[in-house]
Amino acid sequence: LLYTIKFEDMTDGRCILLVQPLHHKSSKTYAQYDTLTDCLQAVIKVYEEHLKSVFNHEEKITYNIAQLMDFLQNLSDILVLIFNKETRTYEPHGRRFIKQKIYGYLAYTATNKRGRPYFF
């Protein structure tokens, strides 16, 4: 499936990212971001840091979007709360939403000369 999004839709609104990487409740964590774009970049960075810890002796680490999506699927839980200015409430969005937005973000940065792909 291909997902299309307007990049402008991802730049507005505060977000709270909630992640539980393991089944242990003590692994729950959260972080706040000013935009959905910042939040998505942080999710990608979490995966990249995971790869660095697993392949710590490798000089260069590469991955594809399918591997990133598998990583997100295998997290015990992931959720983003996005602030809605009209209702003045945070709206929850789950794993599928996050995966769709990351896919759209990576497609946008790969094709937009002003955007930059996210590499480490």
N, C-alpha and C. Protein backbone atom coordinates (compact mmCIF):
# COMPACT_ATOMS: atom_id res chain seq x y z
N LEU A 1 0.82 -1.19 0.00
CA LEU A 1 0.00 0.00 0.00
C LEU A 1 0.86 1.25 0.00
N LEU A 2 0.44 2.23 -0.75
CA LEU A 2 1.12 3.51 -0.74
C LEU A 2 0.24 4.50 0.01
N TYR A 3 0.86 5.31 0.84
CA TYR A 3 0.14 6.30 1.61
C TYR A 3 0.59 7.67 1.17
N THR A 4 -0.35 8.55 0.94
CA THR A 4 0.01 9.91 0.58
C THR A 4 -0.42 10.83 1.71
N ILE A 5 0.42 11.80 1.98
CA ILE A 5 0.12 12.79 3.01
C ILE A 5 0.61 14.14 2.53
N LYS A 6 0.03 15.17 3.06
CA LYS A 6 0.55 16.50 2.82
C LYS A 6 1.58 16.76 3.91
N PHE A 7 2.78 17.14 3.50
CA PHE A 7 3.83 17.39 4.47
C PHE A 7 3.42 18.51 5.41
N GLU A 8 2.67 19.48 4.92
CA GLU A 8 2.25 20.60 5.76
C GLU A 8 1.43 20.11 6.95
N ASP A 9 0.70 19.02 6.79
CA ASP A 9 -0.13 18.48 7.86
C ASP A 9 0.71 17.96 9.02
N MET A 10 1.99 17.72 8.78
CA MET A 10 2.84 17.11 9.80
C MET A 10 3.62 18.15 10.60
N THR A 11 3.49 19.42 10.27
CA THR A 11 4.33 20.43 10.90
C THR A 11 3.63 21.16 12.03
N ASP A 12 2.35 20.94 12.21
CA ASP A 12 1.62 21.72 13.20
C ASP A 12 1.12 20.82 14.32
N GLY A 13 1.16 21.28 15.53
CA GLY A 13 0.57 20.57 16.64
C GLY A 13 1.56 19.86 17.53
N ARG A 14 1.43 20.08 18.81
CA ARG A 14 2.29 19.41 19.78
C ARG A 14 1.94 17.93 19.85
N CYS A 15 2.94 17.11 20.16
CA CYS A 15 2.76 15.66 20.20
C CYS A 15 3.40 15.09 21.46
N ILE A 16 2.80 14.02 21.92
CA ILE A 16 3.39 13.22 23.00
C ILE A 16 3.51 11.80 22.46
N LEU A 17 4.73 11.31 22.44
CA LEU A 17 5.00 9.95 21.97
C LEU A 17 5.10 9.03 23.17
N LEU A 18 4.32 7.97 23.17
CA LEU A 18 4.36 6.96 24.23
C LEU A 18 4.85 5.65 23.62
N VAL A 19 5.90 5.10 24.20
CA VAL A 19 6.49 3.87 23.68
C VAL A 19 6.71 2.89 24.82
N GLN A 20 6.34 1.64 24.56
CA GLN A 20 6.65 0.54 25.47
C GLN A 20 7.36 -0.51 24.63
N PRO A 21 8.70 -0.48 24.61
CA PRO A 21 9.43 -1.39 23.73
C PRO A 21 9.31 -2.86 24.12
N LEU A 22 9.22 -3.14 25.41
CA LEU A 22 9.15 -4.51 25.91
C LEU A 22 7.80 -4.75 26.58
N HIS A 23 7.53 -5.99 26.91
CA HIS A 23 6.26 -6.30 27.58
C HIS A 23 6.24 -5.86 29.03
N HIS A 24 7.41 -5.59 29.60
CA HIS A 24 7.49 -5.13 30.98
C HIS A 24 6.96 -3.71 31.09
N LYS A 25 6.06 -3.49 32.03
CA LYS A 25 5.50 -2.15 32.20
C LYS A 25 6.57 -1.11 32.53
N SER A 26 7.65 -1.55 33.12
CA SER A 26 8.72 -0.62 33.48
C SER A 26 9.46 -0.07 32.27
N SER A 27 9.21 -0.63 31.09
CA SER A 27 9.89 -0.14 29.89
C SER A 27 9.12 1.02 29.23
N LYS A 28 8.00 1.40 29.80
CA LYS A 28 7.22 2.51 29.24
C LYS A 28 7.99 3.82 29.35
N THR A 29 7.88 4.62 28.29
CA THR A 29 8.50 5.94 28.29
C THR A 29 7.67 6.88 27.43
N TYR A 30 7.90 8.17 27.62
CA TYR A 30 7.21 9.14 26.78
C TYR A 30 8.12 10.33 26.52
N ALA A 31 7.79 11.07 25.47
CA ALA A 31 8.54 12.28 25.13
C ALA A 31 7.59 13.25 24.44
N GLN A 32 7.84 14.53 24.61
CA GLN A 32 7.02 15.57 24.00
C GLN A 32 7.77 16.22 22.85
N TYR A 33 7.03 16.58 21.80
CA TYR A 33 7.60 17.22 20.62
C TYR A 33 6.72 18.37 20.18
N ASP A 34 7.33 19.35 19.55
CA ASP A 34 6.58 20.52 19.08
C ASP A 34 5.78 20.23 17.82
N THR A 35 6.25 19.28 17.01
CA THR A 35 5.56 18.95 15.76
C THR A 35 5.55 17.45 15.54
N LEU A 36 4.67 17.01 14.68
CA LEU A 36 4.63 15.59 14.32
C LEU A 36 5.92 15.20 13.60
N THR A 37 6.45 16.10 12.79
CA THR A 37 7.71 15.83 12.10
C THR A 37 8.82 15.52 13.09
N ASP A 38 8.94 16.34 14.14
CA ASP A 38 9.95 16.09 15.17
C ASP A 38 9.74 14.73 15.83
N CYS A 39 8.49 14.40 16.06
CA CYS A 39 8.15 13.12 16.68
C CYS A 39 8.56 11.95 15.78
N LEU A 40 8.25 12.05 14.50
CA LEU A 40 8.60 10.99 13.55
C LEU A 40 10.11 10.83 13.44
N GLN A 41 10.82 11.94 13.41
CA GLN A 41 12.28 11.87 13.37
C GLN A 41 12.81 11.17 14.61
N ALA A 42 12.19 11.41 15.76
CA ALA A 42 12.63 10.76 17.00
C ALA A 42 12.37 9.26 16.95
N VAL A 43 11.25 8.84 16.38
CA VAL A 43 10.96 7.41 16.25
C VAL A 43 12.01 6.75 15.37
N ILE A 44 12.36 7.38 14.27
CA ILE A 44 13.38 6.84 13.38
C ILE A 44 14.72 6.77 14.12
N LYS A 45 15.02 7.79 14.89
CA LYS A 45 16.28 7.82 15.65
C LYS A 45 16.32 6.68 16.68
N VAL A 46 15.19 6.36 17.29
CA VAL A 46 15.14 5.23 18.23
C VAL A 46 15.54 3.95 17.51
N TYR A 47 15.03 3.75 16.30
CA TYR A 47 15.40 2.55 15.54
C TYR A 47 16.89 2.56 15.19
N GLU A 48 17.38 3.70 14.78
CA GLU A 48 18.80 3.79 14.43
C GLU A 48 19.70 3.54 15.64
N GLU A 49 19.30 4.03 16.80
CA GLU A 49 20.07 3.76 18.01
C GLU A 49 20.02 2.28 18.37
N HIS A 50 18.88 1.66 18.15
CA HIS A 50 18.75 0.21 18.37
C HIS A 50 19.73 -0.54 17.46
N LEU A 51 19.77 -0.14 16.19
CA LEU A 51 20.70 -0.79 15.26
C LEU A 51 22.15 -0.60 15.69
N LYS A 52 22.48 0.59 16.14
CA LYS A 52 23.84 0.86 16.61
C LYS A 52 24.22 -0.04 17.78
N SER A 53 23.26 -0.29 18.67
CA SER A 53 23.57 -1.15 19.82
C SER A 53 23.69 -2.61 19.42
N VAL A 54 22.92 -3.03 18.44
CA VAL A 54 22.98 -4.43 17.98
C VAL A 54 24.21 -4.68 17.13
N PHE A 55 24.54 -3.72 16.27
CA PHE A 55 25.67 -3.86 15.34
C PHE A 55 26.78 -2.89 15.72
N ASN A 56 27.16 -2.88 16.99
CA ASN A 56 28.09 -1.87 17.49
C ASN A 56 29.50 -1.99 16.91
N HIS A 57 29.85 -3.11 16.31
CA HIS A 57 31.18 -3.27 15.73
C HIS A 57 31.20 -2.95 14.23
N GLU A 58 30.05 -2.69 13.68
CA GLU A 58 29.97 -2.39 12.25
C GLU A 58 30.32 -0.93 11.99
N GLU A 59 31.08 -0.71 10.94
CA GLU A 59 31.46 0.66 10.57
C GLU A 59 30.29 1.39 9.92
N LYS A 60 29.52 0.67 9.11
CA LYS A 60 28.39 1.26 8.40
C LYS A 60 27.19 0.35 8.57
N ILE A 61 26.07 0.95 8.90
CA ILE A 61 24.84 0.20 9.09
C ILE A 61 23.80 0.76 8.12
N THR A 62 23.16 -0.13 7.38
CA THR A 62 22.10 0.29 6.47
C THR A 62 20.83 -0.48 6.81
N TYR A 63 19.72 0.12 6.45
CA TYR A 63 18.43 -0.54 6.65
C TYR A 63 17.46 -0.04 5.60
N ASN A 64 16.37 -0.77 5.44
CA ASN A 64 15.33 -0.32 4.52
C ASN A 64 14.04 -0.06 5.30
N ILE A 65 13.09 0.49 4.61
CA ILE A 65 11.84 0.89 5.29
C ILE A 65 11.09 -0.32 5.84
N ALA A 66 11.18 -1.46 5.17
CA ALA A 66 10.50 -2.67 5.65
C ALA A 66 11.07 -3.09 7.01
N GLN A 67 12.37 -2.97 7.18
CA GLN A 67 12.99 -3.31 8.47
C GLN A 67 12.55 -2.34 9.57
N LEU A 68 12.45 -1.06 9.23
CA LEU A 68 11.96 -0.07 10.18
C LEU A 68 10.51 -0.38 10.58
N MET A 69 9.68 -0.73 9.60
CA MET A 69 8.28 -1.05 9.88
C MET A 69 8.16 -2.31 10.74
N ASP A 70 9.02 -3.30 10.49
CA ASP A 70 9.02 -4.51 11.33
C ASP A 70 9.39 -4.17 12.77
N PHE A 71 10.37 -3.29 12.93
CA PHE A 71 10.77 -2.86 14.28
C PHE A 71 9.59 -2.22 14.99
N LEU A 72 8.88 -1.33 14.31
CA LEU A 72 7.72 -0.66 14.92
C LEU A 72 6.63 -1.68 15.25
N GLN A 73 6.44 -2.65 14.37
CA GLN A 73 5.41 -3.67 14.60
C GLN A 73 5.74 -4.52 15.82
N ASN A 74 7.02 -4.74 16.06
CA ASN A 74 7.43 -5.61 17.16
C ASN A 74 7.56 -4.91 18.51
N LEU A 75 7.38 -3.60 18.54
CA LEU A 75 7.34 -2.92 19.84
C LEU A 75 6.11 -3.40 20.59
N SER A 76 6.20 -3.49 21.88
CA SER A 76 5.05 -3.91 22.65
C SER A 76 3.88 -2.94 22.45
N ASP A 77 4.19 -1.64 22.45
CA ASP A 77 3.16 -0.63 22.22
C ASP A 77 3.81 0.67 21.79
N ILE A 78 3.13 1.39 20.92
CA ILE A 78 3.56 2.74 20.51
C ILE A 78 2.31 3.53 20.16
N LEU A 79 2.31 4.78 20.59
CA LEU A 79 1.13 5.64 20.44
C LEU A 79 1.60 7.08 20.41
N VAL A 80 0.92 7.90 19.62
CA VAL A 80 1.21 9.33 19.63
C VAL A 80 -0.08 10.08 19.93
N LEU A 81 0.01 11.05 20.82
CA LEU A 81 -1.10 11.93 21.14
C LEU A 81 -0.81 13.26 20.46
N ILE A 82 -1.73 13.72 19.60
CA ILE A 82 -1.53 14.96 18.85
C ILE A 82 -2.55 15.99 19.33
N PHE A 83 -2.05 17.16 19.66
CA PHE A 83 -2.92 18.22 20.18
C PHE A 83 -3.79 18.79 19.06
N ASN A 84 -5.09 18.84 19.31
CA ASN A 84 -6.05 19.42 18.38
C ASN A 84 -6.40 20.80 18.90
N LYS A 85 -6.02 21.83 18.14
CA LYS A 85 -6.25 23.20 18.58
C LYS A 85 -7.72 23.55 18.71
N GLU A 86 -8.55 22.98 17.84
CA GLU A 86 -9.98 23.29 17.86
C GLU A 86 -10.66 22.77 19.11
N THR A 87 -10.38 21.54 19.47
CA THR A 87 -11.03 20.94 20.64
C THR A 87 -10.21 21.12 21.91
N ARG A 88 -8.95 21.56 21.74
CA ARG A 88 -8.03 21.75 22.86
C ARG A 88 -7.84 20.45 23.65
N THR A 89 -7.76 19.35 22.90
CA THR A 89 -7.53 18.04 23.49
C THR A 89 -6.45 17.31 22.70
N TYR A 90 -5.89 16.28 23.31
CA TYR A 90 -4.95 15.41 22.62
C TYR A 90 -5.71 14.22 22.04
N GLU A 91 -5.48 13.96 20.76
CA GLU A 91 -6.14 12.84 20.09
C GLU A 91 -5.15 11.69 19.92
N PRO A 92 -5.54 10.48 20.32
CA PRO A 92 -4.62 9.33 20.21
C PRO A 92 -4.57 8.77 18.80
N HIS A 93 -3.37 8.37 18.39
CA HIS A 93 -3.15 7.72 17.10
C HIS A 93 -2.19 6.56 17.34
N GLY A 94 -2.54 5.40 16.83
CA GLY A 94 -1.79 4.19 17.11
C GLY A 94 -0.70 3.86 16.11
N ARG A 95 -0.27 2.65 16.21
CA ARG A 95 0.86 2.12 15.43
C ARG A 95 0.66 2.31 13.92
N ARG A 96 -0.51 1.97 13.42
CA ARG A 96 -0.76 2.08 11.97
C ARG A 96 -0.58 3.52 11.49
N PHE A 97 -1.12 4.46 12.23
CA PHE A 97 -0.99 5.89 11.90
C PHE A 97 0.48 6.28 11.87
N ILE A 98 1.23 5.88 12.89
CA ILE A 98 2.65 6.23 12.98
C ILE A 98 3.42 5.65 11.79
N LYS A 99 3.14 4.40 11.44
CA LYS A 99 3.81 3.77 10.31
C LYS A 99 3.47 4.49 9.01
N GLN A 100 2.22 4.87 8.83
CA GLN A 100 1.81 5.59 7.62
C GLN A 100 2.51 6.94 7.53
N LYS A 101 2.58 7.65 8.62
CA LYS A 101 3.20 8.97 8.62
C LYS A 101 4.71 8.88 8.41
N ILE A 102 5.35 7.88 8.99
CA ILE A 102 6.79 7.70 8.76
C ILE A 102 7.05 7.38 7.30
N TYR A 103 6.24 6.52 6.74
CA TYR A 103 6.39 6.19 5.32
C TYR A 103 6.27 7.45 4.48
N GLY A 104 5.26 8.25 4.74
CA GLY A 104 5.06 9.50 4.01
C GLY A 104 6.20 10.48 4.22
N TYR A 105 6.68 10.56 5.45
CA TYR A 105 7.80 11.46 5.75
C TYR A 105 9.05 11.05 5.00
N LEU A 106 9.36 9.76 5.00
CA LEU A 106 10.56 9.28 4.31
C LEU A 106 10.42 9.46 2.79
N ALA A 107 9.23 9.24 2.25
CA ALA A 107 9.00 9.46 0.83
C ALA A 107 9.18 10.93 0.49
N TYR A 108 8.68 11.79 1.34
CA TYR A 108 8.80 13.24 1.12
C TYR A 108 10.27 13.67 1.15
N THR A 109 11.01 13.25 2.15
CA THR A 109 12.40 13.68 2.26
C THR A 109 13.26 13.09 1.14
N ALA A 110 12.88 11.92 0.65
CA ALA A 110 13.65 11.30 -0.43
C ALA A 110 13.44 12.02 -1.76
N THR A 111 12.28 12.66 -1.94
CA THR A 111 11.96 13.29 -3.22
C THR A 111 12.03 14.81 -3.19
N ASN A 112 12.16 15.40 -2.04
CA ASN A 112 12.17 16.85 -1.92
C ASN A 112 13.59 17.35 -1.74
N LYS A 113 14.01 18.24 -2.59
CA LYS A 113 15.38 18.74 -2.51
C LYS A 113 15.62 19.56 -1.26
N ARG A 114 14.59 20.18 -0.70
CA ARG A 114 14.78 20.96 0.52
C ARG A 114 14.83 20.07 1.75
N GLY A 115 14.13 18.95 1.69
CA GLY A 115 14.18 18.01 2.80
C GLY A 115 15.45 17.19 2.71
N ARG A 116 15.85 16.60 3.80
CA ARG A 116 17.03 15.76 3.75
C ARG A 116 16.71 14.39 4.29
N PRO A 117 17.14 13.36 3.59
CA PRO A 117 16.92 12.01 4.12
C PRO A 117 17.60 11.87 5.47
N TYR A 118 17.06 11.01 6.28
CA TYR A 118 17.56 10.83 7.64
C TYR A 118 18.53 9.66 7.67
N PHE A 119 19.81 9.96 7.75
CA PHE A 119 20.84 8.93 7.81
C PHE A 119 21.69 9.15 9.05
N PHE A 120 22.43 8.13 9.46
CA PHE A 120 23.38 8.30 10.55
C PHE A 120 24.71 7.74 10.14
